Amino acid sequence: MISKMQAGDNMAIAQTQASRRSGVGHESINGTLSESVLQFNLTSELAQLPRDESWLSPTGRSSKTLVKYPDLRIVLIAMKANTRMHEHTAAGRISVHTLNGHIRLHLPERVVDLPAGNLLALDQCVSHDVEASEDSAFLLTLSWPSETTNKKSERHRKKTIRHKGK
């Protein structure tokens, strides 16, 4: 007899396999990325990433969006040893949780080591790049404020800049 959790895992795996075969990505999952309750077996999800075609590309990484709401994304990312995601920023706040391996985030003022089991949170618009010193996997969580909060934050930032300039 299969438990509900096993059945859910099997369904997620079947949906993942179907999406990889069809080549249409998230659209073939029929909205399951934004259901009101989502559960994942990260061990199974991690096992699939190196089988993805992108793993064999020169970038040496593979990713899968697990959760996709208007204000929140959770992405599982695997990187080969000695590969790098070049400098970029995120419009919202992010967290990076290393599941296995060892990554480094290069920030404007410092380098942060993130071996397995470590978590880092960054405010919005903090530029960074990601380097894998060994085969690694991490969960990237991105959150976006509502438009109202975004406008208030922008006004606050402008006031702070003007205040510092005085």
C-alpha atoms as a PDB file:
ATOM      1  CA  MET A   1       0.000   0.000   0.000  1.00  0.00           C
ATOM      2  CA  ILE A   2       1.351   3.457  -0.935  1.00  0.00           C
ATOM      3  CA  SER A   3       1.090   6.264   1.619  1.00  0.00           C
ATOM      4  CA  LYS A   4      -0.245   9.662   0.589  1.00  0.00           C
ATOM      5  CA  MET A   5       3.267  11.110   0.860  1.00  0.00           C
ATOM      6  CA  GLN A   6       4.739   8.388  -1.379  1.00  0.00           C
ATOM      7  CA  ALA A   7       1.901   8.853  -3.843  1.00  0.00           C
ATOM      8  CA  GLY A   8       2.560  12.605  -3.849  1.00  0.00           C
ATOM      9  CA  ASP A   9       6.274  12.014  -4.406  1.00  0.00           C
ATOM     10  CA  ASN A  10       5.524   9.610  -7.235  1.00  0.00           C
ATOM     11  CA  MET A  11       3.147  12.160  -8.762  1.00  0.00           C
ATOM     12  CA  ALA A  12       5.757  14.916  -8.533  1.00  0.00           C
ATOM     13  CA  ILE A  13       8.364  12.624 -10.102  1.00  0.00           C
ATOM     14  CA  ALA A  14       5.959  11.588 -12.859  1.00  0.00           C
ATOM     15  CA  GLN A  15       5.118  15.232 -13.524  1.00  0.00           C
ATOM     16  CA  THR A  16       8.804  16.122 -13.544  1.00  0.00           C
ATOM     17  CA  GLN A  17       9.579  13.333 -15.999  1.00  0.00           C
ATOM     18  CA  ALA A  18       6.638  14.332 -18.195  1.00  0.00           C
ATOM     19  CA  SER A  19       7.754  17.966 -18.247  1.00  0.00           C
ATOM     20  CA  ARG A  20      11.316  16.977 -19.163  1.00  0.00           C
ATOM     21  CA  ARG A  21      10.107  14.721 -21.988  1.00  0.00           C
ATOM     22  CA  SER A  22       7.647  17.220 -23.405  1.00  0.00           C
ATOM     23  CA  GLY A  23      10.108  20.107 -23.425  1.00  0.00           C
ATOM     24  CA  VAL A  24       7.458  22.623 -22.395  1.00  0.00           C
ATOM     25  CA  GLY A  25       8.710  23.009 -18.848  1.00  0.00           C
ATOM     26  CA  HIS A  26       6.477  24.343 -16.123  1.00  0.00           C
ATOM     27  CA  GLU A  27       3.436  24.719 -18.359  1.00  0.00           C
ATOM     28  CA  SER A  28       3.005  20.951 -18.526  1.00  0.00           C
ATOM     29  CA  ILE A  29       2.681  20.703 -14.750  1.00  0.00           C
ATOM     30  CA  ASN A  30      -0.746  22.373 -14.957  1.00  0.00           C
ATOM     31  CA  GLY A  31      -0.504  24.908 -12.149  1.00  0.00           C
ATOM     32  CA  THR A  32       0.946  22.611  -9.488  1.00  0.00           C
ATOM     33  CA  LEU A  33       3.742  25.104  -8.782  1.00  0.00           C
ATOM     34  CA  SER A  34       1.237  27.402  -7.092  1.00  0.00           C
ATOM     35  CA  GLU A  35      -1.119  25.016  -5.285  1.00  0.00           C
ATOM     36  CA  SER A  36      -2.111  26.053  -1.759  1.00  0.00           C
ATOM     37  CA  VAL A  37      -0.022  23.221  -0.243  1.00  0.00           C
ATOM     38  CA  LEU A  38       3.157  21.905  -1.863  1.00  0.00           C
ATOM     39  CA  GLN A  39       5.482  19.196  -0.566  1.00  0.00           C
ATOM     40  CA  PHE A  40       8.682  17.920  -2.146  1.00  0.00           C
ATOM     41  CA  ASN A  41      11.125  15.098  -1.624  1.00  0.00           C
ATOM     42  CA  LEU A  42      14.334  17.067  -2.109  1.00  0.00           C
ATOM     43  CA  THR A  43      16.431  13.897  -2.319  1.00  0.00           C
ATOM     44  CA  SER A  44      14.419  12.757  -5.355  1.00  0.00           C
ATOM     45  CA  GLU A  45      14.448  16.218  -6.892  1.00  0.00           C
ATOM     46  CA  LEU A  46      18.234  16.493  -6.455  1.00  0.00           C
ATOM     47  CA  ALA A  47      18.747  13.107  -8.092  1.00  0.00           C
ATOM     48  CA  GLN A  48      16.981  14.375 -11.231  1.00  0.00           C
ATOM     49  CA  LEU A  49      19.001  17.570 -11.764  1.00  0.00           C
ATOM     50  CA  PRO A  50      22.232  15.979 -13.106  1.00  0.00           C
ATOM     51  CA  ARG A  51      20.104  14.130 -15.682  1.00  0.00           C
ATOM     52  CA  ASP A  52      18.945  17.422 -17.159  1.00  0.00           C
ATOM     53  CA  GLU A  53      20.514  18.503 -20.467  1.00  0.00           C
ATOM     54  CA  SER A  54      21.626  21.821 -18.957  1.00  0.00           C
ATOM     55  CA  TRP A  55      23.936  19.917 -16.577  1.00  0.00           C
ATOM     56  CA  LEU A  56      26.052  18.950 -19.589  1.00  0.00           C
ATOM     57  CA  SER A  57      26.255  22.518 -20.915  1.00  0.00           C
ATOM     58  CA  PRO A  58      29.317  24.731 -20.340  1.00  0.00           C
ATOM     59  CA  THR A  59      27.507  26.533 -17.485  1.00  0.00           C
ATOM     60  CA  GLY A  60      27.596  23.286 -15.505  1.00  0.00           C
ATOM     61  CA  ARG A  61      24.365  23.848 -13.658  1.00  0.00           C
ATOM     62  CA  SER A  62      20.791  22.694 -13.616  1.00  0.00           C
ATOM     63  CA  SER A  63      17.760  24.086 -11.833  1.00  0.00           C
ATOM     64  CA  LYS A  64      14.129  23.397 -11.176  1.00  0.00           C
ATOM     65  CA  THR A  65      11.524  25.855  -9.922  1.00  0.00           C
ATOM     66  CA  LEU A  66       9.615  24.093  -7.156  1.00  0.00           C
ATOM     67  CA  VAL A  67       7.307  26.903  -6.040  1.00  0.00           C
ATOM     68  CA  LYS A  68       6.036  29.777  -8.147  1.00  0.00           C
ATOM     69  CA  TYR A  69       3.694  32.318  -6.573  1.00  0.00           C
ATOM     70  CA  PRO A  70       3.433  35.983  -7.613  1.00  0.00           C
ATOM     71  CA  ASP A  71       5.450  37.041  -4.523  1.00  0.00           C
ATOM     72  CA  LEU A  72       7.600  33.952  -3.886  1.00  0.00           C
ATOM     73  CA  ARG A  73       9.800  31.526  -5.811  1.00  0.00           C
ATOM     74  CA  ILE A  74      11.749  28.542  -4.536  1.00  0.00           C
ATOM     75  CA  VAL A  75      14.318  27.152  -6.948  1.00  0.00           C
ATOM     76  CA  LEU A  76      16.491  24.072  -6.505  1.00  0.00           C
ATOM     77  CA  ILE A  77      19.871  24.623  -8.171  1.00  0.00           C
ATOM     78  CA  ALA A  78      22.771  22.217  -8.721  1.00  0.00           C
ATOM     79  CA  MET A  79      26.202  23.415  -9.836  1.00  0.00           C
ATOM     80  CA  LYS A  80      29.241  21.428 -10.921  1.00  0.00           C
ATOM     81  CA  ALA A  81      32.562  21.973  -9.160  1.00  0.00           C
ATOM     82  CA  ASN A  82      34.512  25.032 -10.328  1.00  0.00           C
ATOM     83  CA  THR A  83      31.556  26.714 -12.052  1.00  0.00           C
ATOM     84  CA  ARG A  84      30.200  30.182 -11.471  1.00  0.00           C
ATOM     85  CA  MET A  85      27.014  32.193 -11.883  1.00  0.00           C
ATOM     86  CA  HIS A  86      28.206  35.616 -12.913  1.00  0.00           C
ATOM     87  CA  GLU A  87      27.331  38.766 -10.987  1.00  0.00           C
ATOM     88  CA  HIS A  88      23.639  39.572 -10.806  1.00  0.00           C
ATOM     89  CA  THR A  89      21.049  41.101  -8.466  1.00  0.00           C
ATOM     90  CA  ALA A  90      17.546  40.119  -7.428  1.00  0.00           C
ATOM     91  CA  ALA A  91      14.716  42.637  -7.235  1.00  0.00           C
ATOM     92  CA  GLY A  92      13.440  40.967  -4.059  1.00  0.00           C
ATOM     93  CA  ARG A  93      14.996  39.563  -0.918  1.00  0.00           C
ATOM     94  CA  ILE A  94      16.592  36.144  -1.263  1.00  0.00           C
ATOM     95  CA  SER A  95      17.863  33.298   0.835  1.00  0.00           C
ATOM     96  CA  VAL A  96      20.415  30.720  -0.213  1.00  0.00           C
ATOM     97  CA  HIS A  97      20.455  27.420   1.694  1.00  0.00           C
ATOM     98  CA  THR A  98      23.244  25.018   0.743  1.00  0.00           C
ATOM     99  CA  LEU A  99      21.972  21.439   0.772  1.00  0.00           C
ATOM    100  CA  ASN A 100      25.200  19.690  -0.213  1.00  0.00           C
ATOM    101  CA  GLY A 101      28.649  20.620  -1.414  1.00  0.00           C
ATOM    102  CA  HIS A 102      30.172  24.056  -0.864  1.00  0.00           C
ATOM    103  CA  ILE A 103      29.385  27.361  -2.547  1.00  0.00           C
ATOM    104  CA  ARG A 104      30.690  30.899  -2.111  1.00  0.00           C
ATOM    105  CA  LEU A 105      28.770  34.099  -2.677  1.00  0.00           C
ATOM    106  CA  HIS A 106      30.903  37.017  -3.752  1.00  0.00           C
ATOM    107  CA  LEU A 107      29.298  40.195  -2.392  1.00  0.00           C
ATOM    108  CA  PRO A 108      30.456  43.787  -2.958  1.00  0.00           C
ATOM    109  CA  GLU A 109      32.272  43.958   0.394  1.00  0.00           C
ATOM    110  CA  ARG A 110      33.139  40.326   1.138  1.00  0.00           C
ATOM    111  CA  VAL A 111      33.013  36.658   0.196  1.00  0.00           C
ATOM    112  CA  VAL A 112      30.654  34.394   2.157  1.00  0.00           C
ATOM    113  CA  ASP A 113      31.436  30.667   2.414  1.00  0.00           C
ATOM    114  CA  LEU A 114      28.335  28.495   2.460  1.00  0.00           C
ATOM    115  CA  PRO A 115      29.161  24.837   3.058  1.00  0.00           C
ATOM    116  CA  ALA A 116      26.289  22.336   3.302  1.00  0.00           C
ATOM    117  CA  GLY A 117      23.783  23.211   6.006  1.00  0.00           C
ATOM    118  CA  ASN A 118      24.406  26.972   5.902  1.00  0.00           C
ATOM    119  CA  LEU A 119      21.886  29.669   5.039  1.00  0.00           C
ATOM    120  CA  LEU A 120      22.431  33.238   3.864  1.00  0.00           C
ATOM    121  CA  ALA A 121      19.792  35.952   3.434  1.00  0.00           C
ATOM    122  CA  LEU A 122      20.331  39.012   1.241  1.00  0.00           C
ATOM    123  CA  ASP A 123      18.293  42.174   0.972  1.00  0.00           C
ATOM    124  CA  GLN A 124      16.916  43.188  -2.391  1.00  0.00           C
ATOM    125  CA  CYS A 125      19.309  44.482  -5.043  1.00  0.00           C
ATOM    126  CA  VAL A 126      22.507  43.189  -3.398  1.00  0.00           C
ATOM    127  CA  SER A 127      24.821  42.234  -6.251  1.00  0.00           C
ATOM    128  CA  HIS A 128      26.454  38.842  -5.937  1.00  0.00           C
ATOM    129  CA  ASP A 129      27.842  35.954  -7.879  1.00  0.00           C
ATOM    130  CA  VAL A 130      27.858  32.298  -6.910  1.00  0.00           C
ATOM    131  CA  GLU A 131      30.836  29.960  -7.152  1.00  0.00           C
ATOM    132  CA  ALA A 132      30.746  26.200  -6.543  1.00  0.00           C
ATOM    133  CA  SER A 133      34.038  24.916  -5.143  1.00  0.00           C
ATOM    134  CA  GLU A 134      32.710  21.341  -5.431  1.00  0.00           C
ATOM    135  CA  ASP A 135      29.582  19.732  -6.866  1.00  0.00           C
ATOM    136  CA  SER A 136      26.863  21.501  -4.897  1.00  0.00           C
ATOM    137  CA  ALA A 137      23.142  22.010  -4.572  1.00  0.00           C
ATOM    138  CA  PHE A 138      21.192  24.787  -2.904  1.00  0.00           C
ATOM    139  CA  LEU A 139      17.707  26.142  -2.467  1.00  0.00           C
ATOM    140  CA  LEU A 140      17.202  29.698  -3.642  1.00  0.00           C
ATOM    141  CA  THR A 141      14.177  31.464  -2.189  1.00  0.00           C
ATOM    142  CA  LEU A 142      13.140  34.784  -3.734  1.00  0.00           C
ATOM    143  CA  SER A 143      10.432  37.000  -2.339  1.00  0.00           C
ATOM    144  CA  TRP A 144       8.986  40.136  -3.819  1.00  0.00           C
ATOM    145  CA  PRO A 145       7.155  42.786  -1.810  1.00  0.00           C
ATOM    146  CA  SER A 146       3.713  43.894  -2.901  1.00  0.00           C
ATOM    147  CA  GLU A 147       3.559  46.959  -5.165  1.00  0.00           C
ATOM    148  CA  THR A 148       2.469  49.114  -2.195  1.00  0.00           C
ATOM    149  CA  THR A 149       5.383  47.909  -0.062  1.00  0.00           C
ATOM    150  CA  ASN A 150       7.734  48.341  -3.016  1.00  0.00           C
ATOM    151  CA  LYS A 151       6.723  51.992  -3.486  1.00  0.00           C
ATOM    152  CA  LYS A 152       7.099  52.715   0.253  1.00  0.00           C
ATOM    153  CA  SER A 153      10.519  51.034   0.236  1.00  0.00           C
ATOM    154  CA  GLU A 154      11.644  53.119  -2.760  1.00  0.00           C
ATOM    155  CA  ARG A 155      10.493  56.355  -1.076  1.00  0.00           C
ATOM    156  CA  HIS A 156      12.324  55.342   2.123  1.00  0.00           C
ATOM    157  CA  ARG A 157      15.498  54.548   0.150  1.00  0.00           C
ATOM    158  CA  LYS A 158      15.385  57.952  -1.592  1.00  0.00           C
ATOM    159  CA  LYS A 159      14.912  59.734   1.761  1.00  0.00           C
ATOM    160  CA  THR A 160      17.852  57.806   3.227  1.00  0.00           C
ATOM    161  CA  ILE A 161      20.068  58.760   0.270  1.00  0.00           C
ATOM    162  CA  ARG A 162      19.088  62.436   0.611  1.00  0.00           C
ATOM    163  CA  HIS A 163      19.684  62.311   4.394  1.00  0.00           C
ATOM    164  CA  LYS A 164      23.152  60.770   3.977  1.00  0.00           C
ATOM    165  CA  GLY A 165      24.061  63.476   1.480  1.00  0.00           C
ATOM    166  CA  LYS A 166      23.416  66.307   3.995  1.00  0.00           C
END
